[in-house]
Amino acid sequence: MIQTNILIIGAGPVGLFTVFEAGLLKLQCHIIDALPQPGGQCSEIYPKKPIYDIPAYPSILAGDLTAKLMEQIKPFSPGFTLGERAEVIEKDSEGQFIVTTNRGTKHRAPIIAIAAGLGCFEPRKPPVEGLANFEDKGVEYIIKDPEFYRDKKVVISGGGDSALDWTNFLADGVASEVTLVHRRPSFRGHPDSVQKVMDLAQSGKINLITNGEVVGVAGNGSLDSVEVKHKSDGMISLATDHWIPLFGLSPKLGPIGEWKLNIKKNAIEVDTFDYSTNVPGIYAIGDINTYPGKLKLILCGFHEATLMVQSAYKRIYPDRNLVLKYTTVSGAPSM
């Protein structure tokens, strides 16, 4: 049985930053995550993707952000149960939560902070015949390392931020040829990213096909071409080394959805006073929660974590007077 003050479900950026904020209050944390390493999506899905809205960093790679957060929480010596999924929750006779993983590891804590991001997720796959035959043989749904596409011909499908951002990134001296295919004439991503794509297309640095979608894949053992059905030009065959359909992720709460929490549209409802759920002692922070005006940004998750640990401290130590101390006054963080 692993005992701790705050049991955090999810080792993404928000879960990691929770350790820091809790550590400032001398609260010990332990983290459970189904992935084999900390960082959540930042490590598993886009470690080499730049993030632009982290304070003091004009740009930082997602993987580097994870490394910095791990460095920041090192003084607080958090525990980790990685590669295991939190499944069963119950309460003992003393009112503490017991969380058991799919591998039988038991954890005990008075406070649970769910920072599980999108929960369990999988990429949305297009309905293309024979697609499974080329998965990991030229068809990828996630870009983990852009160097994998160095000097390769790449076709990207999608109209959201991921498709736009990776098109801009790979076209900047990485891939030998980049083609972006979108079934509509307009994009739903950030206006700045859309403009960059348009500028690259106008200058001939990428191939842009709108009003079209990939409907076929071909190759002998590995992908060598895709078929694009265009609204006015008919069928177009594109020679390529890789096709990356970026149609987003299909999130699922997984076992957390059975924990008797109030759920709305696959997210956990919380009170914005302290991001508590309908179950006293359980909080939800980051992309996993929902409330009026919710923004799914790492930055917002950091804010939610900060307020959450203040409330958690008062639940753990109801008779103590909590006084906010600035780190510029209290000195270097440590347990």
C-alpha atoms as a PDB file:
ATOM      1  CA  MET A   1       0.000   0.000   0.000  1.00  0.00           C
ATOM      2  CA  ILE A   2       1.456   3.338  -1.112  1.00  0.00           C
ATOM      3  CA  GLN A   3       0.466   6.158   1.271  1.00  0.00           C
ATOM      4  CA  THR A   4       0.613   9.809   0.270  1.00  0.00           C
ATOM      5  CA  ASN A   5      -1.107  13.160   0.875  1.00  0.00           C
ATOM      6  CA  ILE A   6      -2.306  13.745  -2.696  1.00  0.00           C
ATOM      7  CA  LEU A   7      -2.712  10.947  -5.218  1.00  0.00           C
ATOM      8  CA  ILE A   8      -2.485  12.408  -8.729  1.00  0.00           C
ATOM      9  CA  ILE A   9      -4.009  10.529 -11.659  1.00  0.00           C
ATOM     10  CA  GLY A  10      -2.058  11.613 -14.726  1.00  0.00           C
ATOM     11  CA  ALA A  11       1.609  12.534 -15.197  1.00  0.00           C
ATOM     12  CA  GLY A  12       1.105  15.196 -17.847  1.00  0.00           C
ATOM     13  CA  PRO A  13       2.275  18.809 -17.385  1.00  0.00           C
ATOM     14  CA  VAL A  14      -0.655  19.708 -15.099  1.00  0.00           C
ATOM     15  CA  GLY A  15      -0.159  16.638 -12.925  1.00  0.00           C
ATOM     16  CA  LEU A  16       3.567  17.344 -12.640  1.00  0.00           C
ATOM     17  CA  PHE A  17       3.032  21.009 -11.749  1.00  0.00           C
ATOM     18  CA  THR A  18       0.587  19.916  -9.042  1.00  0.00           C
ATOM     19  CA  VAL A  19       3.541  18.217  -7.324  1.00  0.00           C
ATOM     20  CA  PHE A  20       5.363  21.557  -7.220  1.00  0.00           C
ATOM     21  CA  GLU A  21       2.449  23.533  -5.804  1.00  0.00           C
ATOM     22  CA  ALA A  22       1.721  20.803  -3.256  1.00  0.00           C
ATOM     23  CA  GLY A  23       5.387  20.654  -2.310  1.00  0.00           C
ATOM     24  CA  LEU A  24       5.371  24.340  -1.421  1.00  0.00           C
ATOM     25  CA  LEU A  25       2.761  23.424   1.198  1.00  0.00           C
ATOM     26  CA  LYS A  26       4.808  20.431   2.422  1.00  0.00           C
ATOM     27  CA  LEU A  27       2.325  17.968   0.934  1.00  0.00           C
ATOM     28  CA  GLN A  28       3.683  14.718  -0.496  1.00  0.00           C
ATOM     29  CA  CYS A  29       2.402  13.488  -3.872  1.00  0.00           C
ATOM     30  CA  HIS A  30       2.324  10.207  -5.754  1.00  0.00           C
ATOM     31  CA  ILE A  31       1.413   9.978  -9.453  1.00  0.00           C
ATOM     32  CA  ILE A  32      -0.266   7.167 -11.395  1.00  0.00           C
ATOM     33  CA  ASP A  33      -0.119   7.118 -15.197  1.00  0.00           C
ATOM     34  CA  ALA A  34      -0.909   4.454 -17.774  1.00  0.00           C
ATOM     35  CA  LEU A  35       2.010   5.593 -19.935  1.00  0.00           C
ATOM     36  CA  PRO A  36       5.497   4.256 -19.193  1.00  0.00           C
ATOM     37  CA  GLN A  37       7.030   7.711 -18.752  1.00  0.00           C
ATOM     38  CA  PRO A  38       5.975  11.120 -17.354  1.00  0.00           C
ATOM     39  CA  GLY A  39       4.762  13.875 -19.662  1.00  0.00           C
ATOM     40  CA  GLY A  40       1.415  12.624 -20.941  1.00  0.00           C
ATOM     41  CA  GLN A  41       0.669  13.671 -24.506  1.00  0.00           C
ATOM     42  CA  CYS A  42       3.720  15.952 -24.480  1.00  0.00           C
ATOM     43  CA  SER A  43       5.953  12.873 -24.246  1.00  0.00           C
ATOM     44  CA  GLU A  44       3.869  10.264 -26.028  1.00  0.00           C
ATOM     45  CA  ILE A  45       2.314  12.154 -28.941  1.00  0.00           C
ATOM     46  CA  TYR A  46       4.260  15.321 -29.764  1.00  0.00           C
ATOM     47  CA  PRO A  47       7.545  15.572 -27.815  1.00  0.00           C
ATOM     48  CA  LYS A  48       9.183  17.554 -30.624  1.00  0.00           C
ATOM     49  CA  LYS A  49       6.277  19.930 -31.178  1.00  0.00           C
ATOM     50  CA  PRO A  50       6.892  23.537 -30.098  1.00  0.00           C
ATOM     51  CA  ILE A  51       4.560  25.159 -27.544  1.00  0.00           C
ATOM     52  CA  TYR A  52       4.261  28.944 -27.621  1.00  0.00           C
ATOM     53  CA  ASP A  53       2.058  29.910 -24.647  1.00  0.00           C
ATOM     54  CA  ILE A  54       4.187  28.880 -21.670  1.00  0.00           C
ATOM     55  CA  PRO A  55       5.175  32.016 -19.688  1.00  0.00           C
ATOM     56  CA  ALA A  56       8.840  33.084 -20.069  1.00  0.00           C
ATOM     57  CA  TYR A  57       9.361  30.637 -22.982  1.00  0.00           C
ATOM     58  CA  PRO A  58       8.786  32.210 -26.422  1.00  0.00           C
ATOM     59  CA  SER A  59       8.947  28.623 -27.681  1.00  0.00           C
ATOM     60  CA  ILE A  60       9.621  25.308 -25.942  1.00  0.00           C
ATOM     61  CA  LEU A  61       9.386  21.755 -27.267  1.00  0.00           C
ATOM     62  CA  ALA A  62       6.776  19.640 -25.500  1.00  0.00           C
ATOM     63  CA  GLY A  63       9.402  17.110 -24.460  1.00  0.00           C
ATOM     64  CA  ASP A  64      11.627  19.844 -23.063  1.00  0.00           C
ATOM     65  CA  LEU A  65       8.699  21.232 -21.073  1.00  0.00           C
ATOM     66  CA  THR A  66       8.299  17.823 -19.457  1.00  0.00           C
ATOM     67  CA  ALA A  67      12.010  17.730 -18.632  1.00  0.00           C
ATOM     68  CA  LYS A  68      11.843  21.196 -17.038  1.00  0.00           C
ATOM     69  CA  LEU A  69       8.812  20.252 -14.956  1.00  0.00           C
ATOM     70  CA  MET A  70      10.564  17.096 -13.764  1.00  0.00           C
ATOM     71  CA  GLU A  71      13.555  19.211 -12.772  1.00  0.00           C
ATOM     72  CA  GLN A  72      11.281  21.651 -10.952  1.00  0.00           C
ATOM     73  CA  ILE A  73       9.608  18.948  -8.825  1.00  0.00           C
ATOM     74  CA  LYS A  74      12.765  16.970  -8.069  1.00  0.00           C
ATOM     75  CA  PRO A  75      13.237  18.599  -4.608  1.00  0.00           C
ATOM     76  CA  PHE A  76       9.845  17.216  -3.545  1.00  0.00           C
ATOM     77  CA  SER A  77      10.668  13.560  -4.342  1.00  0.00           C
ATOM     78  CA  PRO A  78       7.263  12.496  -5.734  1.00  0.00           C
ATOM     79  CA  GLY A  79       6.460   8.825  -6.171  1.00  0.00           C
ATOM     80  CA  PHE A  80       5.461   7.345  -9.524  1.00  0.00           C
ATOM     81  CA  THR A  81       3.424   4.320 -10.560  1.00  0.00           C
ATOM     82  CA  LEU A  82       3.938   4.304 -14.329  1.00  0.00           C
ATOM     83  CA  GLY A  83       2.630   1.920 -16.955  1.00  0.00           C
ATOM     84  CA  GLU A  84      -0.429   1.175 -14.820  1.00  0.00           C
ATOM     85  CA  ARG A  85      -3.988   2.453 -15.149  1.00  0.00           C
ATOM     86  CA  ALA A  86      -6.022   3.601 -12.136  1.00  0.00           C
ATOM     87  CA  GLU A  87      -9.127   1.422 -12.144  1.00  0.00           C
ATOM     88  CA  VAL A  88     -10.921   0.865  -8.831  1.00  0.00           C
ATOM     89  CA  ILE A  89     -11.613   3.457  -6.168  1.00  0.00           C
ATOM     90  CA  GLU A  90     -13.071   2.860  -2.712  1.00  0.00           C
ATOM     91  CA  LYS A  91     -12.976   4.385   0.763  1.00  0.00           C
ATOM     92  CA  ASP A  92     -11.630   2.782   3.914  1.00  0.00           C
ATOM     93  CA  SER A  93     -12.965   3.055   7.470  1.00  0.00           C
ATOM     94  CA  GLU A  94     -10.910   6.221   8.054  1.00  0.00           C
ATOM     95  CA  GLY A  95     -12.380   8.026   5.055  1.00  0.00           C
ATOM     96  CA  GLN A  96      -9.251   7.736   2.913  1.00  0.00           C
ATOM     97  CA  PHE A  97      -9.383   6.742  -0.738  1.00  0.00           C
ATOM     98  CA  ILE A  98      -7.912   3.436  -1.890  1.00  0.00           C
ATOM     99  CA  VAL A  99      -7.076   3.376  -5.608  1.00  0.00           C
ATOM    100  CA  THR A 100      -6.083   0.091  -7.206  1.00  0.00           C
ATOM    101  CA  THR A 101      -4.464  -0.124 -10.655  1.00  0.00           C
ATOM    102  CA  ASN A 102      -5.007  -2.709 -13.381  1.00  0.00           C
ATOM    103  CA  ARG A 103      -1.893  -4.484 -12.059  1.00  0.00           C
ATOM    104  CA  GLY A 104      -3.131  -4.594  -8.498  1.00  0.00           C
ATOM    105  CA  THR A 105      -0.959  -1.814  -7.032  1.00  0.00           C
ATOM    106  CA  LYS A 106      -2.827  -0.130  -4.179  1.00  0.00           C
ATOM    107  CA  HIS A 107      -2.544   3.536  -3.213  1.00  0.00           C
ATOM    108  CA  ARG A 108      -4.048   5.331  -0.197  1.00  0.00           C
ATOM    109  CA  ALA A 109      -4.593   9.078   0.171  1.00  0.00           C
ATOM    110  CA  PRO A 110      -7.093  11.558   1.646  1.00  0.00           C
ATOM    111  CA  ILE A 111      -7.052  13.573  -1.588  1.00  0.00           C
ATOM    112  CA  ILE A 112      -7.248  12.546  -5.253  1.00  0.00           C
ATOM    113  CA  ALA A 113      -6.392  14.976  -8.047  1.00  0.00           C
ATOM    114  CA  ILE A 114      -7.477  13.740 -11.471  1.00  0.00           C
ATOM    115  CA  ALA A 115      -5.203  15.340 -14.076  1.00  0.00           C
ATOM    116  CA  ALA A 116      -5.673  12.714 -16.749  1.00  0.00           C
ATOM    117  CA  GLY A 117      -5.802  15.044 -19.757  1.00  0.00           C
ATOM    118  CA  LEU A 118      -8.121  13.583 -22.347  1.00  0.00           C
ATOM    119  CA  GLY A 119      -8.300  10.328 -20.431  1.00  0.00           C
ATOM    120  CA  CYS A 120      -7.810   7.214 -22.537  1.00  0.00           C
ATOM    121  CA  PHE A 121      -7.590   8.228 -26.176  1.00  0.00           C
ATOM    122  CA  GLU A 122      -6.980   6.859 -29.636  1.00  0.00           C
ATOM    123  CA  PRO A 123      -6.537   8.568 -33.010  1.00  0.00           C
ATOM    124  CA  ARG A 124      -9.548   8.982 -35.278  1.00  0.00           C
ATOM    125  CA  LYS A 125      -8.826   6.841 -38.324  1.00  0.00           C
ATOM    126  CA  PRO A 126     -10.266   7.643 -41.764  1.00  0.00           C
ATOM    127  CA  PRO A 127     -12.445   4.951 -43.434  1.00  0.00           C
ATOM    128  CA  VAL A 128      -9.907   3.978 -46.109  1.00  0.00           C
ATOM    129  CA  GLU A 129      -9.822   0.395 -47.380  1.00  0.00           C
ATOM    130  CA  GLY A 130      -6.597  -1.439 -46.582  1.00  0.00           C
ATOM    131  CA  LEU A 131      -5.403   1.290 -44.218  1.00  0.00           C
ATOM    132  CA  ALA A 132      -4.400  -1.153 -41.468  1.00  0.00           C
ATOM    133  CA  ASN A 133      -1.965  -2.865 -43.863  1.00  0.00           C
ATOM    134  CA  PHE A 134       0.191   0.269 -43.951  1.00  0.00           C
ATOM    135  CA  GLU A 135       0.056   1.332 -40.310  1.00  0.00           C
ATOM    136  CA  ASP A 136       3.650   1.870 -39.154  1.00  0.00           C
ATOM    137  CA  LYS A 137       4.677   1.123 -42.744  1.00  0.00           C
ATOM    138  CA  GLY A 138       4.161   4.633 -44.070  1.00  0.00           C
ATOM    139  CA  VAL A 139       0.911   5.548 -42.311  1.00  0.00           C
ATOM    140  CA  GLU A 140       1.249   7.248 -38.917  1.00  0.00           C
ATOM    141  CA  TYR A 141      -1.418   8.944 -36.818  1.00  0.00           C
ATOM    142  CA  ILE A 142       0.996  10.654 -34.440  1.00  0.00           C
ATOM    143  CA  ILE A 143       4.278  12.470 -35.069  1.00  0.00           C
ATOM    144  CA  LYS A 144       6.667  11.633 -32.257  1.00  0.00           C
ATOM    145  CA  ASP A 145       9.960  12.661 -33.844  1.00  0.00           C
ATOM    146  CA  PRO A 146      10.010  14.940 -36.922  1.00  0.00           C
ATOM    147  CA  GLU A 147      13.499  13.680 -37.781  1.00  0.00           C
ATOM    148  CA  PHE A 148      11.787  10.450 -38.831  1.00  0.00           C
ATOM    149  CA  TYR A 149      10.549  12.415 -41.862  1.00  0.00           C
ATOM    150  CA  ARG A 150      13.901  13.972 -42.765  1.00  0.00           C
ATOM    151  CA  ASP A 151      14.219  14.210 -46.586  1.00  0.00           C
ATOM    152  CA  LYS A 152      10.993  12.222 -47.099  1.00  0.00           C
ATOM    153  CA  LYS A 153       7.880  12.951 -49.123  1.00  0.00           C
ATOM    154  CA  VAL A 154       5.011  13.524 -46.694  1.00  0.00           C
ATOM    155  CA  VAL A 155       1.260  13.906 -47.171  1.00  0.00           C
ATOM    156  CA  ILE A 156      -0.693  15.339 -44.222  1.00  0.00           C
ATOM    157  CA  SER A 157      -4.481  15.269 -43.996  1.00  0.00           C
ATOM    158  CA  GLY A 158      -6.561  17.499 -41.739  1.00  0.00           C
ATOM    159  CA  GLY A 159      -7.734  21.038 -41.192  1.00  0.00           C
ATOM    160  CA  GLY A 160      -7.065  21.650 -37.507  1.00  0.00           C
ATOM    161  CA  ASP A 161      -4.119  22.993 -35.544  1.00  0.00           C
ATOM    162  CA  SER A 162      -2.129  19.746 -35.549  1.00  0.00           C
ATOM    163  CA  ALA A 163      -2.276  19.383 -39.330  1.00  0.00           C
ATOM    164  CA  LEU A 164      -1.389  23.047 -39.843  1.00  0.00           C
ATOM    165  CA  ASP A 165       1.413  23.136 -37.259  1.00  0.00           C
ATOM    166  CA  TRP A 166       3.092  19.975 -38.521  1.00  0.00           C
ATOM    167  CA  THR A 167       2.796  21.138 -42.126  1.00  0.00           C
ATOM    168  CA  ASN A 168       4.591  24.355 -41.203  1.00  0.00           C
ATOM    169  CA  PHE A 169       7.199  22.497 -39.148  1.00  0.00           C
ATOM    170  CA  LEU A 170       8.048  19.748 -41.632  1.00  0.00           C
ATOM    171  CA  ALA A 171       8.144  22.201 -44.535  1.00  0.00           C
ATOM    172  CA  ASP A 172      10.848  24.185 -42.734  1.00  0.00           C
ATOM    173  CA  GLY A 173      13.816  22.178 -43.999  1.00  0.00           C
ATOM    174  CA  VAL A 174      12.792  18.764 -42.642  1.00  0.00           C
ATOM    175  CA  ALA A 175      10.804  16.862 -45.274  1.00  0.00           C
ATOM    176  CA  SER A 176      11.818  16.991 -48.926  1.00  0.00           C
ATOM    177  CA  GLU A 177       8.206  17.513 -49.986  1.00  0.00           C
ATOM    178  CA  VAL A 178       5.053  18.300 -47.993  1.00  0.00           C
ATOM    179  CA  THR A 179       1.477  18.103 -49.251  1.00  0.00           C
ATOM    180  CA  LEU A 180      -1.478  19.180 -47.108  1.00  0.00           C
ATOM    181  CA  VAL A 181      -4.861  17.738 -48.062  1.00  0.00           C
ATOM    182  CA  HIS A 182      -8.097  19.099 -46.592  1.00  0.00           C
ATOM    183  CA  ARG A 183     -11.639  18.289 -47.623  1.00  0.00           C
ATOM    184  CA  ARG A 184     -12.845  21.864 -47.193  1.00  0.00           C
ATOM    185  CA  PRO A 185     -11.635  25.207 -48.627  1.00  0.00           C
ATOM    186  CA  SER A 186     -11.275  26.763 -45.152  1.00  0.00           C
ATOM    187  CA  PHE A 187      -9.399  25.657 -42.039  1.00  0.00           C
ATOM    188  CA  ARG A 188     -10.462  25.557 -38.396  1.00  0.00           C
ATOM    189  CA  GLY A 189      -7.009  26.124 -36.891  1.00  0.00           C
ATOM    190  CA  HIS A 190      -5.354  29.234 -35.469  1.00  0.00           C
ATOM    191  CA  PRO A 191      -5.442  32.126 -37.982  1.00  0.00           C
ATOM    192  CA  ASP A 192      -1.685  32.642 -37.754  1.00  0.00           C
ATOM    193  CA  SER A 193      -1.028  28.979 -38.600  1.00  0.00           C
ATOM    194  CA  VAL A 194      -3.497  29.149 -41.499  1.00  0.00           C
ATOM    195  CA  GLN A 195      -1.739  32.207 -42.893  1.00  0.00           C
ATOM    196  CA  LYS A 196       1.668  30.501 -42.689  1.00  0.00           C
ATOM    197  CA  VAL A 197       0.330  27.537 -44.661  1.00  0.00           C
ATOM    198  CA  MET A 198      -1.146  29.840 -47.289  1.00  0.00           C
ATOM    199  CA  ASP A 199       2.142  31.713 -47.596  1.00  0.00           C
ATOM    200  CA  LEU A 200       4.072  28.449 -47.996  1.00  0.00           C
ATOM    201  CA  ALA A 201       1.648  27.287 -50.677  1.00  0.00           C
ATOM    202  CA  GLN A 202       1.861  30.583 -52.549  1.00  0.00           C
ATOM    203  CA  SER A 203       5.653  30.462 -52.523  1.00  0.00           C
ATOM    204  CA  GLY A 204       5.653  26.864 -53.762  1.00  0.00           C
ATOM    205  CA  LYS A 205       7.213  25.417 -50.603  1.00  0.00           C
ATOM    206  CA  ILE A 206       4.270  23.054 -49.998  1.00  0.00           C
ATOM    207  CA  ASN A 207       1.525  21.515 -52.096  1.00  0.00           C
ATOM    208  CA  LEU A 208      -1.925  22.503 -50.847  1.00  0.00           C
ATOM    209  CA  ILE A 209      -4.981  20.532 -51.934  1.00  0.00           C
ATOM    210  CA  THR A 210      -8.344  21.707 -50.617  1.00  0.00           C
ATOM    211  CA  ASN A 211     -11.769  20.293 -51.459  1.00  0.00           C
ATOM    212  CA  GLY A 212     -10.160  16.867 -51.556  1.00  0.00           C
ATOM    213  CA  GLU A 213      -9.551  13.852 -49.321  1.00  0.00           C
ATOM    214  CA  VAL A 214      -7.394  10.762 -49.351  1.00  0.00           C
ATOM    215  CA  VAL A 215      -9.534   7.753 -50.269  1.00  0.00           C
ATOM    216  CA  GLY A 216      -6.921   5.119 -51.142  1.00  0.00           C
ATOM    217  CA  VAL A 217      -3.485   3.839 -50.196  1.00  0.00           C
ATOM    218  CA  ALA A 218      -1.095   1.689 -52.212  1.00  0.00           C
ATOM    219  CA  GLY A 219       2.336   0.117 -51.950  1.00  0.00           C
ATOM    220  CA  ASN A 220       4.287  -3.117 -51.923  1.00  0.00           C
ATOM    221  CA  GLY A 221       4.974  -3.862 -48.276  1.00  0.00           C
ATOM    222  CA  SER A 222       5.200  -0.164 -47.434  1.00  0.00           C
ATOM    223  CA  LEU A 223       3.323   2.916 -48.564  1.00  0.00           C
ATOM    224  CA  ASP A 224       4.385   4.492 -51.849  1.00  0.00           C
ATOM    225  CA  SER A 225       1.299   6.464 -52.928  1.00  0.00           C
ATOM    226  CA  VAL A 226      -2.111   7.744 -51.896  1.00  0.00           C
ATOM    227  CA  GLU A 227      -5.196   8.467 -53.973  1.00  0.00           C
ATOM    228  CA  VAL A 228      -6.915  11.809 -53.470  1.00  0.00           C
ATOM    229  CA  LYS A 229     -10.501  12.375 -54.557  1.00  0.00           C
ATOM    230  CA  HIS A 230     -10.839  16.037 -55.541  1.00  0.00           C
ATOM    231  CA  LYS A 231     -14.179  17.785 -55.781  1.00  0.00           C
ATOM    232  CA  SER A 232     -13.537  19.196 -59.265  1.00  0.00           C
ATOM    233  CA  ASP A 233     -10.346  17.520 -60.555  1.00  0.00           C
ATOM    234  CA  GLY A 234     -11.393  13.925 -59.875  1.00  0.00           C
ATOM    235  CA  MET A 235      -8.825  11.348 -58.749  1.00  0.00           C
ATOM    236  CA  ILE A 236      -5.240  12.468 -58.075  1.00  0.00           C
ATOM    237  CA  SER A 237      -2.404  10.016 -57.375  1.00  0.00           C
ATOM    238  CA  LEU A 238       0.371  11.305 -55.100  1.00  0.00           C
ATOM    239  CA  ALA A 239       3.688   9.505 -54.678  1.00  0.00           C
ATOM    240  CA  THR A 240       4.712   9.659 -51.027  1.00  0.00           C
ATOM    241  CA  ASP A 241       6.760   7.973 -48.332  1.00  0.00           C
ATOM    242  CA  HIS A 242       4.366   8.825 -45.505  1.00  0.00           C
ATOM    243  CA  TRP A 243       0.721   9.704 -45.031  1.00  0.00           C
ATOM    244  CA  ILE A 244      -0.198  11.311 -41.707  1.00  0.00           C
ATOM    245  CA  PRO A 245      -3.971  11.654 -41.165  1.00  0.00           C
ATOM    246  CA  LEU A 246      -4.381  14.124 -38.303  1.00  0.00           C
ATOM    247  CA  PHE A 247      -8.083  14.068 -37.525  1.00  0.00           C
ATOM    248  CA  GLY A 248      -7.762  14.422 -33.783  1.00  0.00           C
ATOM    249  CA  LEU A 249      -8.162  12.004 -30.905  1.00  0.00           C
ATOM    250  CA  SER A 250     -11.221  10.172 -29.687  1.00  0.00           C
ATOM    251  CA  PRO A 251     -11.129  10.645 -25.899  1.00  0.00           C
ATOM    252  CA  LYS A 252     -12.582   8.203 -23.396  1.00  0.00           C
ATOM    253  CA  LEU A 253     -12.635   8.550 -19.627  1.00  0.00           C
ATOM    254  CA  GLY A 254     -11.994   4.856 -19.173  1.00  0.00           C
ATOM    255  CA  PRO A 255     -12.425   3.488 -15.609  1.00  0.00           C
ATOM    256  CA  ILE A 256     -12.628   7.041 -14.197  1.00  0.00           C
ATOM    257  CA  GLY A 257     -16.058   7.275 -15.815  1.00  0.00           C
ATOM    258  CA  GLU A 258     -17.271   4.658 -13.311  1.00  0.00           C
ATOM    259  CA  TRP A 259     -16.196   6.616 -10.216  1.00  0.00           C
ATOM    260  CA  LYS A 260     -19.658   8.208  -9.650  1.00  0.00           C
ATOM    261  CA  LEU A 261     -18.426  11.646 -10.692  1.00  0.00           C
ATOM    262  CA  ASN A 262     -20.662  14.127 -12.508  1.00  0.00           C
ATOM    263  CA  ILE A 263     -19.771  13.768 -16.189  1.00  0.00           C
ATOM    264  CA  LYS A 264     -20.716  16.124 -19.019  1.00  0.00           C
ATOM    265  CA  LYS A 265     -19.629  15.472 -22.612  1.00  0.00           C
ATOM    266  CA  ASN A 266     -16.861  13.099 -21.554  1.00  0.00           C
ATOM    267  CA  ALA A 267     -15.407  15.548 -19.011  1.00  0.00           C
ATOM    268  CA  ILE A 268     -15.696  15.871 -15.235  1.00  0.00           C
ATOM    269  CA  GLU A 269     -17.770  18.762 -13.911  1.00  0.00           C
ATOM    270  CA  VAL A 270     -16.043  20.860 -11.240  1.00  0.00           C
ATOM    271  CA  ASP A 271     -16.626  23.862  -8.997  1.00  0.00           C
ATOM    272  CA  THR A 272     -14.322  26.677 -10.149  1.00  0.00           C
ATOM    273  CA  PHE A 273     -13.818  27.804  -6.557  1.00  0.00           C
ATOM    274  CA  ASP A 274     -11.291  25.002  -6.054  1.00  0.00           C
ATOM    275  CA  TYR A 275     -11.915  22.560  -8.965  1.00  0.00           C
ATOM    276  CA  SER A 276     -13.539  20.043  -6.650  1.00  0.00           C
ATOM    277  CA  THR A 277     -15.910  17.410  -8.013  1.00  0.00           C
ATOM    278  CA  ASN A 278     -19.218  16.242  -6.581  1.00  0.00           C
ATOM    279  CA  VAL A 279     -17.273  13.698  -4.485  1.00  0.00           C
ATOM    280  CA  PRO A 280     -15.606  15.459  -1.507  1.00  0.00           C
ATOM    281  CA  GLY A 281     -11.868  14.975  -1.589  1.00  0.00           C
ATOM    282  CA  ILE A 282     -11.673  14.354  -5.338  1.00  0.00           C
ATOM    283  CA  TYR A 283     -10.592  17.180  -7.637  1.00  0.00           C
ATOM    284  CA  ALA A 284     -10.248  17.363 -11.425  1.00  0.00           C
ATOM    285  CA  ILE A 285      -7.799  19.711 -13.151  1.00  0.00           C
ATOM    286  CA  GLY A 286      -6.585  20.255 -16.699  1.00  0.00           C
ATOM    287  CA  ASP A 287      -8.227  18.971 -19.873  1.00  0.00           C
ATOM    288  CA  ILE A 288     -10.193  16.293 -17.988  1.00  0.00           C
ATOM    289  CA  ASN A 289     -12.528  18.827 -16.346  1.00  0.00           C
ATOM    290  CA  THR A 290     -15.268  21.097 -17.603  1.00  0.00           C
ATOM    291  CA  TYR A 291     -16.934  24.289 -16.389  1.00  0.00           C
ATOM    292  CA  PRO A 292     -18.418  27.448 -17.963  1.00  0.00           C
ATOM    293  CA  GLY A 293     -15.681  29.268 -19.869  1.00  0.00           C
ATOM    294  CA  LYS A 294     -13.265  26.310 -19.789  1.00  0.00           C
ATOM    295  CA  LEU A 295     -10.150  26.645 -21.977  1.00  0.00           C
ATOM    296  CA  LYS A 296      -8.117  23.504 -22.642  1.00  0.00           C
ATOM    297  CA  LEU A 297      -4.682  25.069 -22.251  1.00  0.00           C
ATOM    298  CA  ILE A 298      -1.710  23.871 -20.215  1.00  0.00           C
ATOM    299  CA  LEU A 299      -1.498  27.385 -18.789  1.00  0.00           C
ATOM    300  CA  CYS A 300      -5.064  27.146 -17.429  1.00  0.00           C
ATOM    301  CA  GLY A 301      -4.342  23.733 -15.939  1.00  0.00           C
ATOM    302  CA  PHE A 302      -1.420  25.217 -13.987  1.00  0.00           C
ATOM    303  CA  HIS A 303      -3.789  27.810 -12.495  1.00  0.00           C
ATOM    304  CA  GLU A 304      -6.338  25.139 -11.591  1.00  0.00           C
ATOM    305  CA  ALA A 305      -3.651  23.042  -9.877  1.00  0.00           C
ATOM    306  CA  THR A 306      -2.532  26.011  -7.789  1.00  0.00           C
ATOM    307  CA  LEU A 307      -6.009  26.668  -6.384  1.00  0.00           C
ATOM    308  CA  MET A 308      -6.733  22.978  -5.963  1.00  0.00           C
ATOM    309  CA  VAL A 309      -3.793  22.279  -3.621  1.00  0.00           C
ATOM    310  CA  GLN A 310      -4.797  25.190  -1.387  1.00  0.00           C
ATOM    311  CA  SER A 311      -8.192  23.562  -0.912  1.00  0.00           C
ATOM    312  CA  ALA A 312      -6.618  20.112  -0.494  1.00  0.00           C
ATOM    313  CA  TYR A 313      -4.368  21.405   2.306  1.00  0.00           C
ATOM    314  CA  LYS A 314      -7.385  22.708   4.213  1.00  0.00           C
ATOM    315  CA  ARG A 315      -9.145  19.345   3.875  1.00  0.00           C
ATOM    316  CA  ILE A 316      -6.079  17.460   5.126  1.00  0.00           C
ATOM    317  CA  TYR A 317      -5.302  19.922   7.937  1.00  0.00           C
ATOM    318  CA  PRO A 318      -8.609  21.634   8.847  1.00  0.00           C
ATOM    319  CA  ASP A 319      -7.196  22.981  12.136  1.00  0.00           C
ATOM    320  CA  ARG A 320      -4.123  24.635  10.636  1.00  0.00           C
ATOM    321  CA  ASN A 321      -3.956  28.206   9.440  1.00  0.00           C
ATOM    322  CA  LEU A 322      -2.672  28.311   5.853  1.00  0.00           C
ATOM    323  CA  VAL A 323      -0.658  31.444   5.092  1.00  0.00           C
ATOM    324  CA  LEU A 324       0.343  32.143   1.492  1.00  0.00           C
ATOM    325  CA  LYS A 325       4.119  32.517   1.182  1.00  0.00           C
ATOM    326  CA  TYR A 326       5.830  33.833  -1.920  1.00  0.00           C
ATOM    327  CA  THR A 327       8.777  31.747  -3.096  1.00  0.00           C
ATOM    328  CA  THR A 328      10.817  34.973  -3.354  1.00  0.00           C
ATOM    329  CA  VAL A 329      10.415  35.214   0.431  1.00  0.00           C
ATOM    330  CA  SER A 330      10.424  31.561   1.512  1.00  0.00           C
ATOM    331  CA  GLY A 331      13.509  30.684  -0.527  1.00  0.00           C
ATOM    332  CA  ALA A 332      14.344  27.654  -2.668  1.00  0.00           C
ATOM    333  CA  PRO A 333      11.564  25.025  -2.653  1.00  0.00           C
ATOM    334  CA  SER A 334      12.221  21.814  -0.740  1.00  0.00           C
ATOM    335  CA  MET A 335      10.392  19.298   1.417  1.00  0.00           C
END
